[in-house]
Amino acid sequence: MKRHLVIATAAAAALLAGGTVTAVAVGGSGSGSAPAAAPAAAPAAVHAHQDTEDLREAGAARVTAPQAAAAALKAVPGKVSGLDLDQDRPGLVWDADVLGKDGKWHEVTLDARTARVLNQHVDREDDDDHARERAALKNARTDAAAAAREAAADHGTVTSVELDDDHRAQAVWEVETVTKDGTEHQLLVDPHTGALSTAPAHDADDDNDGGDD
């Protein structure tokens, strides 16, 4: 067991470096075996699974982000603050966050193939956490659906839209898309003008590292 672990660890290090490695198998007695060369691999393959998964989900969805926003607002009239395409327990779904006309925050789960509402409930979190988001959403002239359409025009299928007001001086729509070759794009849409720009490199790095937005 240890013998295979040493080989796998050494090979993985070489793949990340884009080169080859000569691994020495270590048996239980500590003796070495004949050197074995591990094949080289392209560094880009490290993120292939993540890109492939997003591309698969985007291809399987029959409901676009703007259509999901419309369906969510039909269920809960108000303003959509976020959309996320996700493979969940019910299947492929759109998760929508809505600030309802009743002043409450609602979470709506929609079937990504039919737009049918699968679940909806009121978010019971402390409203102080949403104070800035509430103000930014009310002042936005460009809504989530419009931001998604703007990003999708030249950058593939939208998989996520979120109004980010925590990490910037001013709120901005953060939109994630994936193109047919599996390339992911991080884009920003100004909520007042609708202007589209590419997210700074550190934003994309934070998202790829799995950090909280």
Protein backbone atom coordinates (compact mmCIF):
# COMPACT_ATOMS: atom_id res chain seq x y z
CA MET A 1 0.00 0.00 0.00
CA LYS A 2 2.81 2.42 0.95
CA ARG A 3 4.67 1.43 -2.21
CA HIS A 4 1.84 2.60 -4.46
CA LEU A 5 1.34 5.76 -2.44
CA VAL A 6 4.94 6.89 -2.98
CA ILE A 7 4.68 6.30 -6.72
CA ALA A 8 1.36 8.17 -6.96
CA THR A 9 2.67 11.12 -4.96
CA ALA A 10 5.80 11.45 -7.06
CA ALA A 11 3.88 11.12 -10.30
CA ALA A 12 1.36 13.76 -9.26
CA ALA A 13 4.17 16.21 -8.52
CA ALA A 14 5.61 15.66 -11.95
CA LEU A 15 2.28 16.15 -13.71
CA LEU A 16 1.78 19.51 -12.02
CA ALA A 17 5.28 20.56 -13.09
CA GLY A 18 4.58 19.50 -16.67
CA GLY A 19 7.53 17.09 -16.75
CA THR A 20 8.43 13.51 -15.98
CA VAL A 21 9.54 11.78 -12.83
CA THR A 22 11.54 8.72 -11.92
CA ALA A 23 9.78 7.07 -9.03
CA VAL A 24 11.40 4.53 -6.74
CA ALA A 25 8.95 2.08 -5.21
CA VAL A 26 9.53 1.55 -1.53
CA GLY A 27 8.54 -1.86 -0.18
CA GLY A 28 7.89 -2.81 3.39
CA SER A 29 11.55 -3.80 3.80
CA GLY A 30 12.80 -0.40 2.59
CA SER A 31 14.46 -1.82 -0.56
CA GLY A 32 14.06 0.00 -3.89
CA SER A 33 12.75 -1.37 -7.16
CA ALA A 34 13.55 -0.48 -10.77
CA PRO A 35 12.96 3.21 -11.71
CA ALA A 36 9.71 3.89 -13.53
CA ALA A 37 9.03 6.93 -15.70
CA ALA A 38 5.66 8.69 -15.40
CA PRO A 39 4.23 10.34 -18.55
CA ALA A 40 4.05 14.11 -18.86
CA ALA A 41 0.68 15.85 -18.82
CA ALA A 42 -0.56 19.34 -19.66
CA PRO A 43 -1.03 21.58 -16.59
CA ALA A 44 -4.43 22.70 -17.93
CA ALA A 45 -5.80 19.25 -17.17
CA VAL A 46 -5.83 20.11 -13.46
CA HIS A 47 -9.09 22.08 -13.89
CA ALA A 48 -10.59 19.93 -16.64
CA HIS A 49 -13.18 18.26 -14.41
CA GLN A 50 -14.57 21.51 -13.08
CA ASP A 51 -14.87 23.01 -16.57
CA THR A 52 -16.39 19.82 -17.95
CA GLU A 53 -18.97 19.65 -15.18
CA ASP A 54 -20.09 23.26 -15.70
CA LEU A 55 -20.24 22.70 -19.45
CA ARG A 56 -22.34 19.56 -18.96
CA GLU A 57 -24.78 21.38 -16.67
CA ALA A 58 -25.04 24.33 -19.05
CA GLY A 59 -25.74 21.97 -21.94
CA ALA A 60 -28.37 20.03 -20.00
CA ALA A 61 -30.31 23.10 -18.87
CA ARG A 62 -33.30 23.99 -21.03
CA VAL A 63 -34.13 27.10 -19.02
CA THR A 64 -31.83 30.11 -19.42
CA ALA A 65 -30.89 32.47 -16.61
CA PRO A 66 -33.34 35.20 -17.78
CA GLN A 67 -36.10 32.60 -18.06
CA ALA A 68 -35.30 31.33 -14.56
CA ALA A 69 -35.48 34.90 -13.24
CA ALA A 70 -38.89 35.38 -14.86
CA ALA A 71 -40.19 32.10 -13.40
CA ALA A 72 -38.91 33.00 -9.93
CA LEU A 73 -40.62 36.40 -10.08
CA LYS A 74 -43.84 34.77 -11.18
CA ALA A 75 -43.72 32.69 -8.01
CA VAL A 76 -42.51 35.56 -5.80
CA PRO A 77 -43.01 39.07 -7.23
CA GLY A 78 -40.09 41.35 -6.43
CA LYS A 79 -36.44 41.60 -7.54
CA VAL A 80 -33.99 38.75 -8.19
CA SER A 81 -30.63 39.22 -6.45
CA GLY A 82 -29.00 35.95 -7.49
CA LEU A 83 -29.26 32.90 -9.75
CA ASP A 84 -27.19 29.74 -9.66
CA LEU A 85 -27.32 26.66 -11.91
CA ASP A 86 -26.63 23.60 -9.79
CA GLN A 87 -26.88 19.82 -9.84
CA ASP A 88 -28.91 19.28 -6.67
CA ARG A 89 -30.79 16.39 -5.09
CA PRO A 90 -33.95 17.01 -7.18
CA GLY A 91 -31.76 17.12 -10.32
CA LEU A 92 -30.47 20.08 -12.31
CA VAL A 93 -31.97 23.25 -10.83
CA TRP A 94 -31.78 27.02 -10.79
CA ASP A 95 -31.55 28.44 -7.27
CA ALA A 96 -32.96 31.99 -7.19
CA ASP A 97 -32.76 34.58 -4.41
CA VAL A 98 -35.60 37.09 -4.51
CA LEU A 99 -36.32 40.24 -2.52
CA GLY A 100 -40.10 40.02 -2.50
CA LYS A 101 -42.51 42.92 -2.62
CA ASP A 102 -43.44 41.83 0.89
CA GLY A 103 -39.97 43.00 1.99
CA LYS A 104 -38.79 39.47 2.78
CA TRP A 105 -35.99 37.47 1.20
CA HIS A 106 -37.15 34.32 -0.57
CA GLU A 107 -35.23 31.34 -1.93
CA VAL A 108 -36.83 29.67 -4.95
CA THR A 109 -35.68 26.39 -6.52
CA LEU A 110 -36.67 25.82 -10.15
CA ASP A 111 -36.36 22.81 -12.42
CA ALA A 112 -33.68 23.77 -14.97
CA ARG A 113 -35.49 21.88 -17.74
CA THR A 114 -39.09 23.04 -17.19
CA ALA A 115 -38.88 26.15 -14.96
CA ARG A 116 -41.34 24.48 -12.59
CA VAL A 117 -41.02 25.65 -8.99
CA LEU A 118 -39.75 22.76 -6.87
CA ASN A 119 -39.38 24.57 -3.57
CA GLN A 120 -39.59 28.03 -2.05
CA HIS A 121 -39.16 29.42 1.44
CA VAL A 122 -38.43 32.64 3.31
CA ASP A 123 -34.83 33.26 4.36
CA ARG A 124 -34.86 33.63 8.15
CA GLU A 125 -31.35 35.13 8.46
CA ASP A 126 -30.85 38.43 10.26
CA ASP A 127 -31.97 41.16 7.86
CA ASP A 128 -29.02 43.33 8.91
CA ASP A 129 -26.84 41.03 6.82
CA HIS A 130 -28.88 41.99 3.76
CA ALA A 131 -29.16 45.74 4.38
CA ARG A 132 -26.58 46.82 1.78
CA GLU A 133 -27.79 44.27 -0.74
CA ARG A 134 -31.37 45.44 -0.28
CA ALA A 135 -30.38 49.07 -0.95
CA ALA A 136 -28.22 48.15 -3.97
CA LEU A 137 -30.97 46.01 -5.46
CA LYS A 138 -33.59 48.75 -5.09
CA ASN A 139 -31.28 51.29 -6.78
CA ALA A 140 -30.22 49.00 -9.63
CA ARG A 141 -31.46 49.96 -13.09
CA THR A 142 -30.15 46.73 -14.63
CA ASP A 143 -31.75 43.61 -13.18
CA ALA A 144 -30.39 40.06 -12.97
CA ALA A 145 -32.04 38.97 -16.22
CA ALA A 146 -30.62 41.92 -18.16
CA ALA A 147 -27.15 41.31 -16.68
CA ALA A 148 -27.35 37.66 -17.78
CA ARG A 149 -28.40 38.61 -21.32
CA GLU A 150 -25.55 41.11 -21.59
CA ALA A 151 -22.96 38.56 -20.49
CA ALA A 152 -24.36 35.74 -22.64
CA ALA A 153 -24.25 37.80 -25.84
CA ASP A 154 -20.56 37.05 -26.48
CA HIS A 155 -19.45 34.78 -23.65
CA GLY A 156 -21.50 31.58 -23.77
CA THR A 157 -24.09 30.19 -21.37
CA VAL A 158 -24.71 31.90 -18.04
CA THR A 159 -24.41 29.60 -15.03
CA SER A 160 -24.49 32.15 -12.21
CA VAL A 161 -25.57 35.75 -11.53
CA GLU A 162 -25.07 37.51 -8.21
CA LEU A 163 -25.31 41.09 -6.98
CA ASP A 164 -22.06 41.56 -5.07
CA ASP A 165 -22.00 44.47 -2.62
CA ASP A 166 -19.49 43.13 -0.10
CA HIS A 167 -16.10 43.33 -1.79
CA ARG A 168 -16.35 46.57 -3.77
CA ALA A 169 -16.97 50.27 -3.26
CA GLN A 170 -20.12 49.91 -5.36
CA ALA A 171 -22.39 46.96 -6.00
CA VAL A 172 -21.94 45.05 -9.26
CA TRP A 173 -23.52 42.07 -10.97
CA GLU A 174 -21.06 39.16 -11.04
CA VAL A 175 -21.86 36.81 -13.91
CA GLU A 176 -20.24 33.45 -14.65
CA THR A 177 -20.49 31.88 -18.11
CA VAL A 178 -19.09 28.83 -19.87
CA THR A 179 -18.37 28.56 -23.61
CA LYS A 180 -18.71 25.47 -25.80
CA ASP A 181 -15.04 24.56 -25.32
CA GLY A 182 -15.51 24.46 -21.53
CA THR A 183 -13.80 27.78 -20.82
CA GLU A 184 -15.27 29.67 -17.89
CA HIS A 185 -15.58 33.47 -17.84
CA GLN A 186 -15.99 35.81 -14.87
CA LEU A 187 -17.76 39.00 -15.93
CA LEU A 188 -19.04 42.16 -14.26
CA VAL A 189 -22.13 44.15 -15.23
CA ASP A 190 -22.73 47.64 -13.86
CA PRO A 191 -26.18 47.66 -12.22
CA HIS A 192 -26.73 51.31 -13.21
CA THR A 193 -25.42 51.46 -16.78
CA GLY A 194 -25.43 47.82 -17.88
CA ALA A 195 -21.78 48.16 -18.97
CA LEU A 196 -19.96 44.83 -19.27
CA SER A 197 -16.35 44.22 -18.19
CA THR A 198 -14.09 41.30 -17.32
CA ALA A 199 -13.58 40.54 -13.65
CA PRO A 200 -10.06 41.21 -12.28
CA ALA A 201 -7.80 38.17 -12.15
CA HIS A 202 -7.86 38.00 -8.33
CA ASP A 203 -11.66 37.69 -8.39
CA ALA A 204 -11.48 34.62 -10.64
CA ASP A 205 -8.70 33.15 -8.49
CA ASP A 206 -10.79 33.57 -5.32
CA ASP A 207 -13.75 31.79 -6.95
CA ASN A 208 -11.57 28.94 -8.23
CA ASP A 209 -10.07 28.51 -4.75
CA GLY A 210 -13.56 28.00 -3.38
CA GLY A 211 -13.51 31.13 -1.24
CA ASP A 212 -16.66 32.89 -0.10
CA ASP A 213 -17.83 35.85 -2.13
